[in-house]
C-alpha cells in the first residue's frame, strides 16, 4: 500500500502547481491523517502488509519502495488505484524501468473520466506492463517458480 498524503501546508508541492497537483492544492485534498488520504476499508491492509507513504504521483520516486522490494527479493508488482493516468501509470513506468515484472488490474483502477481510464489502459500501459484481470494474473503467478512469485 502506497497512499499519497501531504503535510497540511503541502510543503512538498511546488509553489506554482499546475495540472493535477493544482487540483489537489485547490481542493486541499490528500492531507496527511485527514479523510481522503486514508486507505478505504475495502482495501485495508492485512496483517503483514506494508504501508509505504508516498508524497507524489510515482510511488518509487517519493518513497523507499524500491529498497523495500529489492531487500525482500520481490520482482513482481501489481499496481492499482486512483488516478489510472496519473499515479498508477507513473508507478508502472518506473517499475518497468527498474526491471520489475509489472501488472495492472484495470478493474481496480479509476480516473476522473472513463475516457482517460480507457486511453491509459489501452494505449499507454501495454507499453510498460501486463494489463490483465485478477483470475488471469493468479494463474500466471501460480505458474512461476516460488522465488519468482515474490
Protein backbone atom coordinates (compact mmCIF):
# COMPACT_ATOMS: atom_id res chain seq x y z
CA UNK A 1 0.00 0.00 0.00
CA UNK A 2 1.46 3.37 -1.08
CA UNK A 3 -1.08 6.02 -0.13
CA UNK A 4 -0.34 9.59 -1.11
CA UNK A 5 -0.55 12.08 1.71
CA UNK A 6 0.74 15.62 2.04
CA UNK A 7 1.66 17.77 5.01
CA UNK A 8 -1.11 20.21 5.99
CA UNK A 9 0.84 23.12 4.46
CA UNK A 10 1.53 20.95 1.37
CA UNK A 11 5.18 21.97 1.56
CA UNK A 12 6.15 19.04 -0.71
CA UNK A 13 4.40 20.74 -3.63
CA UNK A 14 5.97 23.35 -5.85
CA UNK A 15 4.98 26.95 -5.10
CA UNK A 16 3.47 27.18 -8.62
CA UNK A 17 1.44 23.97 -9.05
CA UNK A 18 -0.39 23.11 -12.26
CA UNK A 19 -2.39 20.19 -13.66
CA UNK A 20 -3.49 17.51 -11.24
CA UNK A 21 -1.29 18.90 -8.46
CA UNK A 22 -3.08 22.25 -8.79
CA UNK A 23 -6.40 20.43 -8.35
CA UNK A 24 -5.08 18.79 -5.18
CA UNK A 25 -3.97 22.14 -3.75
CA UNK A 26 -7.22 23.89 -4.65
CA UNK A 27 -9.27 21.14 -3.02
CA UNK A 28 -6.92 20.95 -0.03
CA UNK A 29 -7.00 17.23 -0.69
CA UNK A 30 -4.82 14.31 0.38
CA UNK A 31 -3.76 15.92 3.66
CA UNK A 32 -1.97 13.50 5.98
CA UNK A 33 -4.32 11.96 8.54
CA UNK A 34 -7.43 13.53 7.04
CA UNK A 35 -10.35 11.98 5.18
CA UNK A 36 -9.35 11.37 1.57
CA UNK A 37 -5.76 10.42 2.33
CA UNK A 38 -6.63 7.22 4.17
CA UNK A 39 -6.93 3.75 2.69
CA UNK A 40 -10.57 2.76 2.26
CA UNK A 41 -11.88 -0.08 4.42
CA UNK A 42 -12.39 -2.43 1.46
CA UNK A 43 -8.67 -2.18 0.66
CA UNK A 44 -7.42 -2.01 4.25
CA UNK A 45 -4.01 -3.58 4.81
CA UNK A 46 -3.97 -7.07 6.23
CA UNK A 47 -1.58 -8.20 8.92
CA UNK A 48 1.91 -8.22 7.43
CA UNK A 49 1.08 -5.80 4.61
CA UNK A 50 3.37 -2.82 4.22
CA UNK A 51 2.27 0.78 4.21
CA UNK A 52 4.80 2.93 2.41
CA UNK A 53 3.59 6.54 2.21
CA UNK A 54 4.38 8.48 -0.94
CA UNK A 55 4.49 12.22 -1.40
CA UNK A 56 3.93 12.48 -5.13
CA UNK A 57 2.44 10.67 -8.09
CA UNK A 58 5.12 8.00 -8.56
CA UNK A 59 5.38 5.53 -5.66
CA UNK A 60 9.03 4.87 -6.48
CA UNK A 61 10.17 8.49 -6.82
CA UNK A 62 8.90 9.70 -3.45
CA UNK A 63 9.40 6.71 -1.15
CA UNK A 64 11.73 3.85 -0.27
CA UNK A 65 9.56 1.36 -2.19
CA UNK A 66 12.38 0.17 -4.46
CA UNK A 67 14.67 -0.54 -1.48
CA UNK A 68 11.92 -2.43 0.33
CA UNK A 69 11.09 -4.59 -2.71
CA UNK A 70 14.72 -5.35 -3.58
CA UNK A 71 15.56 -6.07 0.06
CA UNK A 72 12.91 -8.78 0.02
CA UNK A 73 13.84 -10.05 -3.47
CA UNK A 74 10.39 -9.19 -4.81
CA UNK A 75 10.27 -8.99 -8.61
CA UNK A 76 6.51 -8.87 -9.35
CA UNK A 77 4.45 -5.78 -8.61
CA UNK A 78 0.72 -5.23 -9.10
CA UNK A 79 -0.22 -1.58 -9.48
CA UNK A 80 -3.81 -0.45 -8.88
CA UNK A 81 -5.52 2.67 -7.60
CA UNK A 82 -6.56 6.19 -8.47
CA UNK A 83 -5.56 8.02 -10.83
CA UNK A 84 -5.19 5.49 -13.68
CA UNK A 85 -3.49 8.02 -15.93
CA UNK A 86 -1.55 9.66 -13.07
CA UNK A 87 -0.19 7.83 -10.04
CA UNK A 88 -0.90 4.35 -11.40
CA UNK A 89 0.69 5.00 -14.77
CA UNK A 90 3.69 6.84 -13.25
CA UNK A 91 4.41 3.98 -10.87
CA UNK A 92 4.04 1.41 -13.67
CA UNK A 93 6.53 3.24 -15.88
CA UNK A 94 9.14 3.47 -13.13
CA UNK A 95 8.61 -0.16 -12.11
CA UNK A 96 9.19 -1.17 -15.72
CA UNK A 97 12.36 0.95 -15.94
CA UNK A 98 13.63 -0.70 -12.76
CA UNK A 99 13.11 -4.16 -14.29
CA UNK A 100 10.17 -5.38 -12.21
CA UNK A 101 7.50 -7.64 -13.68
CA UNK A 102 4.68 -5.10 -13.63
CA UNK A 103 0.99 -6.00 -13.74
CA UNK A 104 -2.10 -3.80 -13.67
CA UNK A 105 -5.70 -4.76 -12.97
CA UNK A 106 -7.84 -2.11 -14.71
CA UNK A 107 -10.96 -3.12 -12.77
CA UNK A 108 -9.14 -1.94 -9.64
CA UNK A 109 -8.24 1.49 -11.07
CA UNK A 110 -10.12 4.70 -11.76
CA UNK A 111 -9.58 8.05 -13.43
CA UNK A 112 -11.52 11.31 -13.47
CA UNK A 113 -13.25 10.20 -16.67
CA UNK A 114 -13.87 6.84 -18.29
CA UNK A 115 -12.21 8.17 -21.47
CA UNK A 116 -8.97 8.89 -19.58
CA UNK A 117 -9.07 5.48 -17.89
CA UNK A 118 -9.64 3.58 -21.14
CA UNK A 119 -6.98 5.52 -23.03
CA UNK A 120 -4.40 4.81 -20.32
CA UNK A 121 -5.10 1.07 -20.08
CA UNK A 122 -5.36 0.50 -23.84
CA UNK A 123 -2.73 2.87 -25.25
CA UNK A 124 -0.08 3.65 -22.62
CA UNK A 125 0.06 0.83 -20.10
CA UNK A 126 0.62 -2.04 -22.54
CA UNK A 127 4.00 -0.49 -23.35
CA UNK A 128 5.16 -0.86 -19.74
CA UNK A 129 3.17 -3.62 -18.03
CA UNK A 130 0.91 -6.60 -18.42
CA UNK A 131 -2.69 -5.37 -18.31
CA UNK A 132 -4.83 -8.26 -17.12
CA UNK A 133 -7.64 -9.32 -14.79
CA UNK A 134 -7.42 -10.91 -11.35
CA UNK A 135 -8.11 -14.56 -12.26
CA UNK A 136 -5.66 -14.49 -15.18
CA UNK A 137 -2.97 -12.87 -13.05
CA UNK A 138 -3.39 -15.54 -10.35
CA UNK A 139 -2.90 -18.26 -12.98
CA UNK A 140 0.25 -16.57 -14.30
CA UNK A 141 1.74 -16.14 -10.83
CA UNK A 142 0.93 -19.71 -9.80
CA UNK A 143 2.87 -20.99 -12.83
CA UNK A 144 6.03 -19.11 -11.84
CA UNK A 145 8.68 -20.77 -9.68
CA UNK A 146 8.25 -19.90 -5.99
CA UNK A 147 11.18 -17.45 -5.89
CA UNK A 148 9.90 -15.58 -8.96
CA UNK A 149 6.45 -15.19 -7.37
CA UNK A 150 7.73 -12.75 -4.80
